[in-house]
Protein backbone atom coordinates (compact mmCIF):
# COMPACT_ATOMS: atom_id res chain seq x y z
CA MET A 1 163.92 59.53 119.43
CA LEU A 2 165.05 62.40 121.64
CA SER A 3 165.01 61.90 125.38
CA ASN A 4 162.89 64.17 127.55
CA LYS A 5 166.08 65.54 129.09
CA TYR A 6 167.47 66.55 125.68
CA LYS A 7 164.12 68.01 124.60
CA LYS A 8 164.17 70.18 127.74
CA LEU A 9 167.74 71.29 126.92
CA ILE A 10 166.66 72.31 123.41
CA GLU A 11 163.68 74.20 124.83
CA ASN A 12 165.96 76.01 127.28
CA ALA A 13 168.33 76.93 124.42
CA ARG A 14 165.43 78.41 122.45
CA ASN A 15 164.36 80.44 125.47
CA LEU A 16 167.91 81.71 125.97
CA ARG A 17 167.98 82.88 122.34
CA LYS A 18 164.83 84.89 122.98
CA THR A 19 166.25 86.54 126.10
CA SER A 20 169.81 87.29 124.97
CA THR A 21 171.88 89.86 126.84
CA ASN A 22 173.13 93.03 125.13
CA ALA A 23 176.63 91.54 124.93
CA GLU A 24 175.29 88.34 123.34
CA ASN A 25 173.34 90.39 120.79
CA VAL A 26 176.43 92.44 119.88
CA LEU A 27 178.62 89.37 119.46
CA TRP A 28 175.94 87.48 117.53
CA PHE A 29 175.63 90.43 115.14
CA LEU A 30 179.38 90.05 114.45
CA LEU A 31 179.43 86.24 114.19
CA LYS A 32 176.22 85.36 112.34
CA ASN A 33 175.92 84.70 108.60
CA ARG A 34 179.49 83.38 108.28
CA GLN A 35 180.96 86.87 108.63
CA ILE A 36 184.26 85.65 110.07
CA LYS A 37 186.26 83.76 107.46
CA ASN A 38 183.07 82.00 106.35
CA TYR A 39 182.86 79.97 109.59
CA LYS A 40 179.38 79.07 110.77
CA PHE A 41 178.62 79.91 114.38
CA ARG A 42 175.58 78.77 116.34
CA ARG A 43 174.26 80.50 119.42
CA GLN A 44 172.80 78.99 122.57
CA HIS A 45 173.65 75.54 121.28
CA PRO A 46 173.34 72.34 123.35
CA ILE A 47 176.49 70.26 123.72
CA LYS A 48 175.91 67.19 125.87
CA LYS A 49 174.53 68.51 129.17
CA TYR A 50 175.39 72.19 128.63
CA ILE A 51 174.13 75.04 126.48
CA VAL A 52 177.05 77.08 125.17
CA ASP A 53 176.71 80.72 124.19
CA PHE A 54 178.35 80.38 120.76
CA VAL A 55 180.04 77.51 118.96
CA CYS A 56 181.79 76.91 115.67
CA ILE A 57 181.50 73.14 115.27
CA GLU A 58 183.87 73.06 112.28
CA LYS A 59 186.73 74.55 114.35
CA ALA A 60 185.62 73.06 117.70
CA LEU A 61 185.57 76.53 119.23
CA ILE A 62 183.19 77.60 121.97
CA ILE A 63 182.80 81.23 122.99
CA GLU A 64 181.30 81.98 126.38
CA LEU A 65 180.26 85.42 127.61
CA ASP A 66 180.32 86.05 131.32
CA GLY A 67 178.79 88.69 133.55
CA GLY A 68 179.82 89.47 137.11
CA GLN A 69 178.04 86.38 138.47
CA HIS A 70 180.72 84.24 136.81
CA ASN A 71 183.66 85.77 138.67
CA GLU A 72 185.77 82.76 139.71
CA ASN A 73 182.77 80.46 139.53
CA GLN A 74 183.72 76.82 140.24
CA LYS A 75 180.87 75.56 138.04
CA ASP A 76 182.37 77.42 135.07
CA ILE A 77 185.72 75.73 135.66
CA VAL A 78 184.08 72.29 135.73
CA ARG A 79 182.04 73.16 132.64
CA THR A 80 185.11 74.35 130.72
CA LYS A 81 187.09 71.23 131.62
CA PHE A 82 184.20 69.03 130.49
CA LEU A 83 183.90 70.85 127.14
CA GLU A 84 187.67 70.69 126.66
CA SER A 85 187.52 66.94 127.33
CA LEU A 86 185.33 66.79 124.19
CA ASN A 87 188.22 68.49 122.32
CA PHE A 88 186.59 71.92 122.17
CA ARG A 89 188.60 75.07 122.77
CA VAL A 90 186.79 77.49 125.04
CA LEU A 91 187.23 81.26 124.86
CA ARG A 92 185.70 83.34 127.63
CA PHE A 93 185.01 87.05 127.46
CA TRP A 94 183.44 89.39 129.97
CA ASN A 95 180.25 91.06 128.79
CA ASN A 96 181.86 94.48 129.18
CA GLU A 97 184.75 93.41 126.89
CA VAL A 98 182.26 92.70 124.10
CA LEU A 99 180.38 95.93 124.68
CA GLN A 100 183.43 98.19 125.08
CA ASN A 101 185.94 96.53 122.73
CA PRO A 102 184.17 94.35 120.13
CA GLU A 103 187.08 94.76 117.70
CA GLY A 104 189.53 93.35 120.25
CA VAL A 105 187.20 90.41 120.93
CA LEU A 106 186.92 89.70 117.19
CA ILE A 107 190.71 89.81 116.81
CA LYS A 108 191.11 87.22 119.58
CA ILE A 109 188.42 85.00 118.00
CA MET A 110 190.11 85.24 114.57
CA GLU A 111 193.51 84.45 116.09
CA THR A 112 192.04 81.37 117.75
CA LEU A 113 190.33 80.27 114.53
CA ASN A 114 193.68 80.59 112.73
CA THR A 115 195.52 78.56 115.39
CA PRO A 116 195.27 74.80 114.99
CA PRO A 117 194.20 72.95 118.13
CA HIS A 118 196.89 71.16 120.09
CA PRO A 119 197.60 67.84 118.33
CA ASN A 120 197.54 65.89 121.61
CA PRO A 121 194.99 67.52 123.89
CA LEU A 122 195.23 66.64 127.54
CA PRO A 123 192.53 64.30 128.82
């Protein structure tokens, strides 16, 4: 049975999907339906106590989009370290990068998908 806390996290993820930013919509259009090397991406997906913007579980890759409110945000650093402790790789892009250079963002995502994770990740 799901805890109330996890149910609330799922509800929040659903609400975030309904209120996506323009940058999230652009990137989702490029990632959905296994368009990149047949990898399945999920959007606004709960992982432990966080909801990540996009994730490819198979490749343990999380993609986060950030607006100006995330500029040198200490909470984002803590969040990234926590997700990396679960052996996820985290890519961060600014919203304007996705909107102004979606091809460049896709190239970076494909490069990361093609790069195996470090065999001995740091704790």
